[in-house]
Amino acid sequence: MFNQSVITVLFIFLGLTFSVFGKPNRVYVLQRPIHTHGCHGIEVSYGVSHKMHGISVGYAYHINEIWHMKLSGGFSNKNLLTVYNTYHYNLFNHYESTFLNFLLGCQGSYKFHHACWEYCSKRFNIGAQLGLELEKYITDYLLLILLAETPISFLDKDDVFNYRFSAGLRITF
């Protein structure tokens, strides 16, 4: 009985939300082309990863309608400073307002710790990044960014594969 009521509620909710019964789906229509050559953006995001959380700030540059590049850096609660350089490939777009991107890039991180200055090899790490990014345009100049990525460590053999989920806002100009 419980499963049937949950399915009924989901069916009613989805039926009233989307355009099944003739109600138009509300999609924001951009007033200017965003994913074109020369589009710049500043991004601020908050992320959660394995035993850490932190904030990052970045710069995004749209090379063309399919590719864009992002250079960002952040600081976490474990005194970890990280710099990322990623390239994003557009896999899918929905009415030019929602974009799903695949990302590939590199990262470098440095852990600040006042008690272990002599162990430099444990404090510096480099790696690669793979992930998915979802961009949702709220207005012509403001985007919601959701990011799921997997940093792959090259130097730290104890923590080779990791994860990071983040959400943020990007202002374009």
N, C-alpha and C. Protein backbone atom coordinates (compact mmCIF):
# COMPACT_ATOMS: atom_id res chain seq x y z
N MET A 1 0.82 -1.20 0.00
CA MET A 1 0.00 0.00 0.00
C MET A 1 0.87 1.26 0.00
N PHE A 2 1.97 1.21 0.78
CA PHE A 2 2.85 2.36 0.85
C PHE A 2 3.50 2.65 -0.50
N ASN A 3 3.97 1.63 -1.19
CA ASN A 3 4.61 1.81 -2.50
C ASN A 3 3.63 2.37 -3.51
N GLN A 4 2.37 1.94 -3.46
CA GLN A 4 1.38 2.44 -4.39
C GLN A 4 1.09 3.91 -4.13
N SER A 5 1.04 4.33 -2.88
CA SER A 5 0.77 5.74 -2.58
C SER A 5 1.96 6.62 -2.98
N VAL A 6 3.18 6.12 -2.80
CA VAL A 6 4.36 6.88 -3.22
C VAL A 6 4.38 7.04 -4.73
N ILE A 7 4.06 5.99 -5.46
CA ILE A 7 4.03 6.06 -6.92
C ILE A 7 2.93 7.01 -7.38
N THR A 8 1.79 6.99 -6.72
CA THR A 8 0.69 7.89 -7.08
C THR A 8 1.08 9.34 -6.85
N VAL A 9 1.71 9.63 -5.71
CA VAL A 9 2.13 11.00 -5.41
C VAL A 9 3.19 11.47 -6.41
N LEU A 10 4.15 10.62 -6.75
CA LEU A 10 5.16 10.98 -7.74
C LEU A 10 4.54 11.22 -9.11
N PHE A 11 3.59 10.39 -9.50
CA PHE A 11 2.92 10.55 -10.78
C PHE A 11 2.17 11.88 -10.84
N ILE A 12 1.46 12.22 -9.78
CA ILE A 12 0.72 13.48 -9.75
C ILE A 12 1.67 14.67 -9.76
N PHE A 13 2.75 14.59 -8.95
CA PHE A 13 3.72 15.68 -8.90
C PHE A 13 4.38 15.91 -10.25
N LEU A 14 4.86 14.84 -10.87
CA LEU A 14 5.51 14.98 -12.18
C LEU A 14 4.52 15.40 -13.25
N GLY A 15 3.29 14.93 -13.16
CA GLY A 15 2.28 15.32 -14.13
C GLY A 15 1.93 16.79 -14.06
N LEU A 16 1.90 17.35 -12.85
CA LEU A 16 1.58 18.76 -12.70
C LEU A 16 2.79 19.65 -12.94
N THR A 17 3.98 19.12 -12.75
CA THR A 17 5.19 19.92 -12.91
C THR A 17 5.58 20.07 -14.37
N PHE A 18 5.54 19.00 -15.14
CA PHE A 18 5.98 19.04 -16.53
C PHE A 18 4.78 19.23 -17.45
N SER A 19 5.02 19.32 -18.74
CA SER A 19 3.98 19.70 -19.69
C SER A 19 3.19 18.49 -20.20
N VAL A 20 2.75 17.63 -19.32
CA VAL A 20 1.98 16.46 -19.74
C VAL A 20 0.54 16.85 -20.06
N PHE A 21 -0.04 17.75 -19.27
CA PHE A 21 -1.44 18.10 -19.43
C PHE A 21 -1.62 19.43 -20.15
N GLY A 22 -0.68 19.81 -21.00
CA GLY A 22 -0.82 21.03 -21.77
C GLY A 22 -0.23 22.24 -21.10
N LYS A 23 0.24 22.12 -19.88
CA LYS A 23 0.87 23.24 -19.19
C LYS A 23 2.28 23.43 -19.77
N PRO A 24 2.64 24.61 -20.24
CA PRO A 24 3.96 24.78 -20.83
C PRO A 24 5.06 24.66 -19.78
N ASN A 25 6.15 24.06 -20.18
CA ASN A 25 7.30 23.92 -19.31
C ASN A 25 8.04 25.26 -19.26
N ARG A 26 8.30 25.77 -18.06
CA ARG A 26 8.95 27.06 -17.92
C ARG A 26 10.45 26.87 -18.11
N VAL A 27 10.97 27.35 -19.21
CA VAL A 27 12.40 27.28 -19.52
C VAL A 27 12.87 28.70 -19.76
N TYR A 28 13.95 29.08 -19.08
CA TYR A 28 14.50 30.41 -19.28
C TYR A 28 15.15 30.49 -20.65
N VAL A 29 14.77 31.48 -21.44
CA VAL A 29 15.33 31.67 -22.77
C VAL A 29 16.36 32.79 -22.68
N LEU A 30 17.58 32.46 -23.07
CA LEU A 30 18.66 33.44 -23.00
C LEU A 30 18.43 34.58 -23.98
N GLN A 31 18.75 35.79 -23.56
CA GLN A 31 18.59 36.95 -24.40
C GLN A 31 19.83 37.23 -25.25
N ARG A 32 20.94 36.56 -24.93
CA ARG A 32 22.17 36.73 -25.70
C ARG A 32 22.88 35.39 -25.77
N PRO A 33 23.66 35.13 -26.80
CA PRO A 33 24.37 33.85 -26.89
C PRO A 33 25.50 33.79 -25.86
N ILE A 34 25.46 32.81 -24.99
CA ILE A 34 26.44 32.70 -23.92
C ILE A 34 27.63 31.86 -24.36
N HIS A 35 27.39 30.69 -24.89
CA HIS A 35 28.47 29.78 -25.24
C HIS A 35 29.06 30.15 -26.60
N THR A 36 29.65 31.31 -26.67
CA THR A 36 30.31 31.75 -27.89
C THR A 36 31.72 32.18 -27.56
N HIS A 37 32.49 32.43 -28.58
CA HIS A 37 33.89 32.82 -28.39
C HIS A 37 33.96 34.13 -27.61
N GLY A 38 34.71 34.13 -26.53
CA GLY A 38 34.93 35.35 -25.79
C GLY A 38 34.09 35.53 -24.55
N CYS A 39 33.33 34.55 -24.13
CA CYS A 39 32.51 34.68 -22.93
C CYS A 39 33.36 34.36 -21.71
N HIS A 40 33.40 35.26 -20.75
CA HIS A 40 34.19 35.10 -19.54
C HIS A 40 33.26 34.96 -18.34
N GLY A 41 33.76 34.36 -17.28
CA GLY A 41 32.95 34.22 -16.07
C GLY A 41 33.81 34.07 -14.83
N ILE A 42 33.28 34.56 -13.72
CA ILE A 42 33.90 34.40 -12.40
C ILE A 42 32.98 33.49 -11.60
N GLU A 43 33.57 32.47 -10.99
CA GLU A 43 32.79 31.44 -10.31
C GLU A 43 33.22 31.31 -8.85
N VAL A 44 32.26 31.16 -7.96
CA VAL A 44 32.50 30.89 -6.54
C VAL A 44 31.70 29.64 -6.19
N SER A 45 32.37 28.65 -5.57
CA SER A 45 31.66 27.42 -5.24
C SER A 45 32.11 26.88 -3.89
N TYR A 46 31.23 26.11 -3.29
CA TYR A 46 31.50 25.44 -2.02
C TYR A 46 31.47 23.94 -2.30
N GLY A 47 32.51 23.23 -1.86
CA GLY A 47 32.60 21.81 -2.17
C GLY A 47 32.81 20.95 -0.96
N VAL A 48 32.39 19.70 -1.09
CA VAL A 48 32.57 18.69 -0.06
C VAL A 48 33.31 17.53 -0.70
N SER A 49 34.38 17.09 -0.03
CA SER A 49 35.14 15.95 -0.52
C SER A 49 35.43 15.02 0.64
N HIS A 50 36.26 14.05 0.41
CA HIS A 50 36.58 13.03 1.40
C HIS A 50 37.16 13.67 2.66
N LYS A 51 36.39 13.74 3.74
CA LYS A 51 36.77 14.29 5.04
C LYS A 51 37.13 15.77 5.00
N MET A 52 36.74 16.48 3.94
CA MET A 52 37.06 17.90 3.82
C MET A 52 35.89 18.66 3.22
N HIS A 53 35.91 19.96 3.45
CA HIS A 53 35.00 20.87 2.77
C HIS A 53 35.72 22.20 2.63
N GLY A 54 35.35 22.95 1.61
CA GLY A 54 36.03 24.22 1.41
C GLY A 54 35.40 25.03 0.29
N ILE A 55 35.98 26.18 0.07
CA ILE A 55 35.47 27.12 -0.92
C ILE A 55 36.52 27.28 -2.02
N SER A 56 36.05 27.50 -3.24
CA SER A 56 36.97 27.74 -4.35
C SER A 56 36.44 28.88 -5.21
N VAL A 57 37.37 29.56 -5.85
CA VAL A 57 37.06 30.69 -6.73
C VAL A 57 37.76 30.42 -8.05
N GLY A 58 37.09 30.72 -9.15
CA GLY A 58 37.70 30.42 -10.43
C GLY A 58 37.30 31.37 -11.54
N TYR A 59 37.99 31.22 -12.65
CA TYR A 59 37.75 31.99 -13.86
C TYR A 59 37.42 31.01 -14.98
N ALA A 60 36.34 31.25 -15.70
CA ALA A 60 35.93 30.39 -16.81
C ALA A 60 35.97 31.18 -18.11
N TYR A 61 36.41 30.51 -19.17
CA TYR A 61 36.49 31.13 -20.48
C TYR A 61 35.92 30.18 -21.52
N HIS A 62 34.88 30.59 -22.22
CA HIS A 62 34.26 29.77 -23.26
C HIS A 62 35.03 29.96 -24.57
N ILE A 63 35.69 28.89 -25.00
CA ILE A 63 36.49 28.93 -26.22
C ILE A 63 35.57 28.95 -27.45
N ASN A 64 34.55 28.10 -27.44
CA ASN A 64 33.54 28.08 -28.50
C ASN A 64 32.26 27.49 -27.90
N GLU A 65 31.34 27.04 -28.74
CA GLU A 65 30.06 26.53 -28.23
C GLU A 65 30.19 25.19 -27.54
N ILE A 66 31.28 24.47 -27.74
CA ILE A 66 31.42 23.13 -27.18
C ILE A 66 32.43 23.08 -26.04
N TRP A 67 33.52 23.82 -26.13
CA TRP A 67 34.60 23.75 -25.15
C TRP A 67 34.64 25.00 -24.29
N HIS A 68 34.95 24.81 -23.00
CA HIS A 68 35.36 25.94 -22.17
C HIS A 68 36.41 25.49 -21.18
N MET A 69 37.19 26.45 -20.72
CA MET A 69 38.32 26.21 -19.84
C MET A 69 38.05 26.90 -18.51
N LYS A 70 38.49 26.27 -17.42
CA LYS A 70 38.31 26.88 -16.11
C LYS A 70 39.61 26.77 -15.32
N LEU A 71 40.03 27.86 -14.72
CA LEU A 71 41.19 27.92 -13.85
C LEU A 71 40.69 28.36 -12.49
N SER A 72 40.87 27.52 -11.47
CA SER A 72 40.33 27.87 -10.16
C SER A 72 41.26 27.39 -9.06
N GLY A 73 41.03 27.92 -7.89
CA GLY A 73 41.80 27.55 -6.72
C GLY A 73 40.93 27.63 -5.49
N GLY A 74 41.27 26.84 -4.49
CA GLY A 74 40.45 26.82 -3.29
C GLY A 74 41.24 26.46 -2.05
N PHE A 75 40.58 26.64 -0.91
CA PHE A 75 41.18 26.35 0.38
C PHE A 75 40.17 25.56 1.20
N SER A 76 40.63 24.50 1.88
CA SER A 76 39.72 23.64 2.63
C SER A 76 39.97 23.75 4.13
N ASN A 77 39.10 23.08 4.91
CA ASN A 77 39.22 23.11 6.36
C ASN A 77 40.42 22.32 6.87
N LYS A 78 41.06 21.51 6.05
CA LYS A 78 42.25 20.74 6.44
C LYS A 78 43.53 21.45 6.02
N ASN A 79 43.48 22.77 5.84
CA ASN A 79 44.62 23.59 5.44
C ASN A 79 45.23 23.13 4.12
N LEU A 80 44.38 22.78 3.19
CA LEU A 80 44.83 22.29 1.88
C LEU A 80 44.51 23.35 0.83
N LEU A 81 45.55 23.85 0.19
CA LEU A 81 45.41 24.81 -0.90
C LEU A 81 45.51 24.04 -2.21
N THR A 82 44.51 24.18 -3.07
CA THR A 82 44.46 23.41 -4.32
C THR A 82 44.23 24.35 -5.50
N VAL A 83 44.92 24.06 -6.60
CA VAL A 83 44.77 24.82 -7.85
C VAL A 83 44.36 23.83 -8.93
N TYR A 84 43.33 24.18 -9.72
CA TYR A 84 42.79 23.31 -10.77
C TYR A 84 42.88 24.02 -12.12
N ASN A 85 43.12 23.27 -13.16
CA ASN A 85 42.98 23.75 -14.53
C ASN A 85 42.24 22.66 -15.29
N THR A 86 40.99 22.92 -15.68
CA THR A 86 40.17 21.89 -16.31
C THR A 86 39.62 22.39 -17.64
N TYR A 87 39.41 21.44 -18.55
CA TYR A 87 38.77 21.70 -19.83
C TYR A 87 37.46 20.94 -19.85
N HIS A 88 36.40 21.62 -20.27
CA HIS A 88 35.05 21.08 -20.22
C HIS A 88 34.51 20.91 -21.64
N TYR A 89 33.93 19.75 -21.90
CA TYR A 89 33.35 19.44 -23.20
C TYR A 89 31.84 19.30 -23.04
N ASN A 90 31.07 20.01 -23.85
CA ASN A 90 29.61 20.01 -23.75
C ASN A 90 29.06 18.70 -24.33
N LEU A 91 28.45 17.89 -23.47
CA LEU A 91 27.84 16.63 -23.90
C LEU A 91 26.39 16.79 -24.33
N PHE A 92 25.66 17.68 -23.64
CA PHE A 92 24.22 17.78 -23.85
C PHE A 92 23.77 19.17 -23.43
N ASN A 93 22.81 19.74 -24.18
CA ASN A 93 22.18 20.97 -23.71
C ASN A 93 20.68 20.87 -23.90
N HIS A 94 19.96 21.57 -23.05
CA HIS A 94 18.51 21.56 -23.05
C HIS A 94 18.03 22.99 -23.26
N TYR A 95 17.53 23.30 -24.45
CA TYR A 95 17.01 24.61 -24.81
C TYR A 95 18.01 25.73 -24.55
N GLU A 96 19.30 25.44 -24.70
CA GLU A 96 20.36 26.43 -24.49
C GLU A 96 20.29 27.08 -23.11
N SER A 97 19.70 26.40 -22.12
CA SER A 97 19.66 26.96 -20.77
C SER A 97 20.25 26.01 -19.74
N THR A 98 20.38 24.74 -20.05
CA THR A 98 20.98 23.76 -19.16
C THR A 98 22.01 22.97 -19.96
N PHE A 99 23.22 22.88 -19.43
CA PHE A 99 24.31 22.22 -20.13
C PHE A 99 24.93 21.16 -19.24
N LEU A 100 25.22 20.00 -19.80
CA LEU A 100 25.94 18.93 -19.11
C LEU A 100 27.30 18.80 -19.77
N ASN A 101 28.36 18.95 -18.98
CA ASN A 101 29.72 18.96 -19.50
C ASN A 101 30.55 17.86 -18.88
N PHE A 102 31.46 17.30 -19.66
CA PHE A 102 32.48 16.37 -19.17
C PHE A 102 33.75 17.18 -18.96
N LEU A 103 34.44 16.96 -17.84
CA LEU A 103 35.65 17.73 -17.58
C LEU A 103 36.85 16.82 -17.43
N LEU A 104 37.99 17.33 -17.86
CA LEU A 104 39.27 16.66 -17.76
C LEU A 104 40.30 17.73 -17.46
N GLY A 105 41.16 17.48 -16.49
CA GLY A 105 42.13 18.49 -16.15
C GLY A 105 43.19 18.00 -15.20
N CYS A 106 43.95 18.96 -14.69
CA CYS A 106 45.01 18.64 -13.74
C CYS A 106 44.83 19.49 -12.49
N GLN A 107 45.45 19.03 -11.40
CA GLN A 107 45.37 19.76 -10.15
C GLN A 107 46.68 19.63 -9.40
N GLY A 108 46.95 20.60 -8.58
CA GLY A 108 48.09 20.56 -7.67
C GLY A 108 47.62 21.03 -6.31
N SER A 109 48.08 20.38 -5.26
CA SER A 109 47.66 20.77 -3.92
C SER A 109 48.85 20.82 -2.99
N TYR A 110 48.72 21.65 -1.97
CA TYR A 110 49.78 21.86 -0.99
C TYR A 110 49.13 21.95 0.38
N LYS A 111 49.58 21.13 1.32
CA LYS A 111 49.00 21.12 2.66
C LYS A 111 49.87 21.93 3.60
N PHE A 112 49.28 22.97 4.20
CA PHE A 112 49.97 23.79 5.19
C PHE A 112 49.83 23.13 6.55
N HIS A 113 50.96 22.84 7.18
CA HIS A 113 50.93 22.25 8.52
C HIS A 113 52.13 22.77 9.28
N HIS A 114 51.90 23.40 10.41
CA HIS A 114 52.99 24.06 11.14
C HIS A 114 53.92 23.08 11.83
N ALA A 115 53.51 21.84 12.08
CA ALA A 115 54.33 20.90 12.84
C ALA A 115 55.22 20.01 11.98
N CYS A 116 55.02 19.96 10.69
CA CYS A 116 55.80 19.01 9.88
C CYS A 116 56.44 19.68 8.67
N TRP A 117 57.24 20.70 8.89
CA TRP A 117 57.89 21.39 7.79
C TRP A 117 58.94 20.52 7.10
N GLU A 118 59.48 19.51 7.80
CA GLU A 118 60.53 18.69 7.21
C GLU A 118 59.99 17.63 6.26
N TYR A 119 58.69 17.37 6.25
CA TYR A 119 58.11 16.33 5.39
C TYR A 119 57.45 16.96 4.17
N CYS A 120 58.24 17.51 3.31
CA CYS A 120 57.69 18.22 2.14
C CYS A 120 57.04 17.27 1.14
N SER A 121 57.54 16.05 1.04
CA SER A 121 56.97 15.13 0.05
C SER A 121 55.55 14.72 0.41
N LYS A 122 55.20 14.72 1.68
CA LYS A 122 53.84 14.36 2.09
C LYS A 122 52.87 15.54 1.94
N ARG A 123 53.40 16.74 1.77
CA ARG A 123 52.53 17.90 1.76
C ARG A 123 52.16 18.36 0.36
N PHE A 124 52.91 17.97 -0.64
CA PHE A 124 52.65 18.40 -2.01
C PHE A 124 52.08 17.22 -2.81
N ASN A 125 51.07 17.49 -3.62
CA ASN A 125 50.45 16.43 -4.41
C ASN A 125 50.03 16.99 -5.76
N ILE A 126 50.14 16.17 -6.79
CA ILE A 126 49.62 16.53 -8.11
C ILE A 126 48.72 15.40 -8.58
N GLY A 127 47.84 15.72 -9.51
CA GLY A 127 46.93 14.69 -9.99
C GLY A 127 46.13 15.14 -11.18
N ALA A 128 45.24 14.27 -11.60
CA ALA A 128 44.34 14.54 -12.72
C ALA A 128 42.91 14.60 -12.19
N GLN A 129 42.02 15.15 -12.98
CA GLN A 129 40.61 15.26 -12.60
C GLN A 129 39.73 14.78 -13.73
N LEU A 130 38.71 14.03 -13.38
CA LEU A 130 37.64 13.64 -14.29
C LEU A 130 36.33 13.99 -13.61
N GLY A 131 35.32 14.36 -14.37
CA GLY A 131 34.06 14.67 -13.72
C GLY A 131 32.98 15.13 -14.68
N LEU A 132 31.84 15.46 -14.08
CA LEU A 132 30.69 15.99 -14.80
C LEU A 132 30.29 17.31 -14.17
N GLU A 133 29.91 18.26 -15.02
CA GLU A 133 29.48 19.57 -14.56
C GLU A 133 28.12 19.88 -15.18
N LEU A 134 27.22 20.39 -14.36
CA LEU A 134 25.90 20.81 -14.83
C LEU A 134 25.80 22.32 -14.66
N GLU A 135 25.53 23.02 -15.76
CA GLU A 135 25.36 24.47 -15.75
C GLU A 135 23.89 24.78 -16.01
N LYS A 136 23.28 25.55 -15.14
CA LYS A 136 21.88 25.96 -15.31
C LYS A 136 21.83 27.48 -15.30
N TYR A 137 21.40 28.06 -16.42
CA TYR A 137 21.33 29.52 -16.50
C TYR A 137 20.10 30.01 -15.76
N ILE A 138 20.33 30.89 -14.80
CA ILE A 138 19.24 31.51 -14.05
C ILE A 138 18.82 32.80 -14.76
N THR A 139 19.79 33.61 -15.12
CA THR A 139 19.57 34.80 -15.96
C THR A 139 20.66 34.80 -17.03
N ASP A 140 20.71 35.88 -17.80
CA ASP A 140 21.74 35.98 -18.83
C ASP A 140 23.15 36.04 -18.24
N TYR A 141 23.27 36.53 -17.03
CA TYR A 141 24.58 36.74 -16.44
C TYR A 141 24.86 35.88 -15.22
N LEU A 142 23.92 35.03 -14.80
CA LEU A 142 24.09 34.25 -13.58
C LEU A 142 23.78 32.78 -13.85
N LEU A 143 24.69 31.90 -13.44
CA LEU A 143 24.54 30.46 -13.64
C LEU A 143 24.65 29.74 -12.31
N LEU A 144 23.92 28.65 -12.20
CA LEU A 144 24.07 27.71 -11.10
C LEU A 144 24.95 26.58 -11.60
N ILE A 145 26.00 26.24 -10.86
CA ILE A 145 26.96 25.22 -11.26
C ILE A 145 26.93 24.08 -10.26
N LEU A 146 26.70 22.85 -10.73
CA LEU A 146 26.80 21.65 -9.91
C LEU A 146 27.90 20.79 -10.50
N LEU A 147 28.80 20.29 -9.66
CA LEU A 147 29.99 19.61 -10.14
C LEU A 147 30.24 18.35 -9.33
N ALA A 148 30.44 17.24 -10.01
CA ALA A 148 30.86 15.98 -9.39
C ALA A 148 32.13 15.54 -10.09
N GLU A 149 33.20 15.38 -9.33
CA GLU A 149 34.48 15.07 -9.94
C GLU A 149 35.26 14.05 -9.13
N THR A 150 36.23 13.44 -9.78
CA THR A 150 37.10 12.44 -9.17
C THR A 150 38.55 12.87 -9.37
N PRO A 151 39.17 13.45 -8.34
CA PRO A 151 40.61 13.71 -8.44
C PRO A 151 41.39 12.40 -8.32
N ILE A 152 42.36 12.21 -9.20
CA ILE A 152 43.21 11.01 -9.19
C ILE A 152 44.61 11.46 -8.80
N SER A 153 45.08 11.01 -7.66
CA SER A 153 46.36 11.45 -7.12
C SER A 153 47.52 10.68 -7.74
N PHE A 154 48.61 11.39 -8.05
CA PHE A 154 49.81 10.75 -8.59
C PHE A 154 50.87 10.51 -7.52
N LEU A 155 50.98 11.38 -6.52
CA LEU A 155 52.05 11.27 -5.54
C LEU A 155 51.63 10.60 -4.24
N ASP A 156 50.39 10.81 -3.81
CA ASP A 156 49.92 10.23 -2.55
C ASP A 156 49.32 8.86 -2.84
N LYS A 157 50.07 7.81 -2.57
CA LYS A 157 49.63 6.45 -2.88
C LYS A 157 48.56 5.93 -1.92
N ASP A 158 48.39 6.57 -0.76
CA ASP A 158 47.36 6.15 0.19
C ASP A 158 45.98 6.63 -0.22
N ASP A 159 45.92 7.67 -1.02
CA ASP A 159 44.65 8.29 -1.37
C ASP A 159 44.63 8.56 -2.88
N VAL A 160 44.63 7.50 -3.69
CA VAL A 160 44.74 7.66 -5.14
C VAL A 160 43.44 8.20 -5.73
N PHE A 161 42.31 7.54 -5.48
CA PHE A 161 41.02 7.99 -5.99
C PHE A 161 40.24 8.67 -4.88
N ASN A 162 39.62 9.76 -5.20
CA ASN A 162 38.85 10.52 -4.24
C ASN A 162 37.59 11.03 -4.94
N TYR A 163 36.82 11.84 -4.27
CA TYR A 163 35.62 12.43 -4.88
C TYR A 163 35.48 13.85 -4.37
N ARG A 164 34.71 14.65 -5.11
CA ARG A 164 34.42 16.01 -4.70
C ARG A 164 33.09 16.41 -5.33
N PHE A 165 32.19 16.90 -4.51
CA PHE A 165 30.91 17.43 -4.97
C PHE A 165 30.88 18.91 -4.60
N SER A 166 30.49 19.75 -5.53
CA SER A 166 30.44 21.17 -5.24
C SER A 166 29.27 21.83 -5.96
N ALA A 167 28.87 22.95 -5.41
CA ALA A 167 27.80 23.77 -5.99
C ALA A 167 28.23 25.22 -5.88
N GLY A 168 27.90 26.00 -6.89
CA GLY A 168 28.30 27.39 -6.86
C GLY A 168 27.56 28.23 -7.87
N LEU A 169 27.98 29.48 -7.96
CA LEU A 169 27.39 30.44 -8.89
C LEU A 169 28.49 31.00 -9.77
N ARG A 170 28.15 31.25 -11.04
CA ARG A 170 29.07 31.88 -11.98
C ARG A 170 28.42 33.12 -12.54
N ILE A 171 29.16 34.22 -12.53
CA ILE A 171 28.71 35.47 -13.12
C ILE A 171 29.47 35.64 -14.43
N THR A 172 28.75 35.82 -15.53
CA THR A 172 29.40 35.97 -16.84
C THR A 172 29.43 37.43 -17.24
N PHE A 173 30.42 37.76 -18.05
CA PHE A 173 30.54 39.12 -18.57
C PHE A 173 31.17 39.10 -19.94
